[in-house]
Amino acid sequence: MNDVEVIKSDQPPLSFEIVPESSEELQKRIKIEKIISNSFNQNISLEVLKLLSISSFGLVNDNLRRILWPCLAGVDASMLERVPSLNEFQNHHEYNQVVLDVNRSLKRFPPGIPYKQRIALQDQLTVLILRVIKKYPNLRYYQGYHDVAVTFLLVAGEEVAYAIMDKLSTTHFSECMQETMEATQKRLMFIWPVIKFENAELYEFLQSSSVGTLFSLPWYLTWFGHSLNSYKTVVRLYDYFLASPIYTPIFLTAAILLHRCKEILEEDCDMAAVHCLISRLPEDLPFEDLIKASTKLYAKYSLEFLENEVEKLMHQEREQRLMEEKMLLERRKKITRSVIKPPNFDINRWFSNILTSKSVLLTTAISLVVGVCAYYYKNQYLAAGIS
C-alpha cells in the first residue's frame, strides 16, 4: 500500500489506494473541470451534473466530488450549521450504540492513518449521526447508517457530510429509518419481478432455493458501502445513487444477480448455499456495465408495475403459508387422535381369544387334576369315617 497523503482531519478525503488515472478518466476529469470553470458563480445544471455522475467513471475523483456532491444532494455549502461538540450528545439514548458501531468501522478509514486523526474522524462521525437522529425523532438509527455517513465524511468533510445526510435521511433512507424494517423488506422484494421477467430460469431457481432477500439488505442499507472493499468502487456507486432516483439500488441489485446468472445456476439449489454465494460480492464485478444495465432496468420497469407484481407474490406466499399451516394442523390432529384414542374392549372377542385349542387343553388338564384331587380327598375322608 502506497503512503497516504497527510491532510487535516476536517478536510477529507484520505486516499485508500493510488491507482493511475486511465486516459478515459483523464478526459472525463478535464471535461468536468472545464464545466466547473466555465460556470463561474453560476450553478451547474442539475441535469448536466446527473449525466456526468451516471456516465462512465462518474465524477472521477474526490476533489471533484467534494465540489459536486453537495449540488447533487441539493445542499447549499454556503449555509452550513454550527457543529456541536460530542459532549452535547452523551445523554442521547442512541449514543452508546452509535459509538459502538463507529468504533467497529475502522476498515472504512484509510490504512496507516495517524491515531489522532482517526480518533478525530470517529468523533466527527459520531456527532454527525447523532445530529441527524436528534433532529428527526421519528427516524430510527440502524446499523449500517454509519457506513453511509463515513463515506460522505471522508469525501466532503464534517459540515457538508452532515448536510447531505440530513437530506438523504428524509428521502433516500427514510424508509430504512422507520420503527421496523417491514417497509424495507417489502421494497427489497421489488428485485423478484425484475428477475422474473428478465430471466425466468434464474427466478425459478432463486425462488425454489427459498433464499429470500436478506442477502441484499446490507447492499440497500449502505449503498453497497459495507459490502465492497474498494473505496474507489464505493464512491463511484455513490456518484450514481446521488444522481439517480431513490430506489436505484434495487435495480443495481437485480443487475448484479442477472450478471451472475451462470454462476448462481451452477450452485446447489439450497438456501444456505445460494445465500452464501450471492451475499459475497466479487471484487472484479464490472460496475460500469452494471450501472448501465441498472439504468436500463429502471427505465423498463415502473415502480407501480413492480408494486403490483410484489403484491401478487405476497398473496401467493400467504396462500401457500396458509395451506401449509392447514396441512400441518390436520397432521397434528391425526397424530393426537391416534395417541389418545382408548382401546376397543370386546368381551366376546376376548373370550374367543381365550378359548383357543391350547386354552381348552389347559382347562381340561386343570379340571382333571381338580377331579383327581377331589376323588383322593373324598376317599381319605370316608376311610376316616367322615361322611
Foldseek 3Di string as FASTA:
>chain_A
DDDWDDDALQAFAIDQDDDDQDPVLVVLQVVLVVQVVVCVPHDRDLVVLLVQLLAPCGNVDLVSCLVCVCVLLVHDPVDWDDQDFLVVCPPPPCLVVLLVLLVVVVLLHHPPHDPVSSVVLSRLLSSLVSVQCVVPVQFADDRQLSLQLSLCCRRHGRGSSSRSCNSCCVFLCVQVRHPDCPSVLLLLLLLLVLCCVVPVVLSVLQVLQVQGRPLCVSCSSNVCSVQASDSSVSVSSVSNCSSDHNSLSSLLLSLQCVVCVVVLVVWPSHNVGSSVVSSHDDNPPPVSVSSVSSVVSPVVDDPVNSSVVSVVVVVVVVVVVVVVVVVVVVVVVVVVCVVPPDDDDDPVVVVVVCPDPVNVVVVVVVVVVVVVVVVVVVVVCVVVVHD
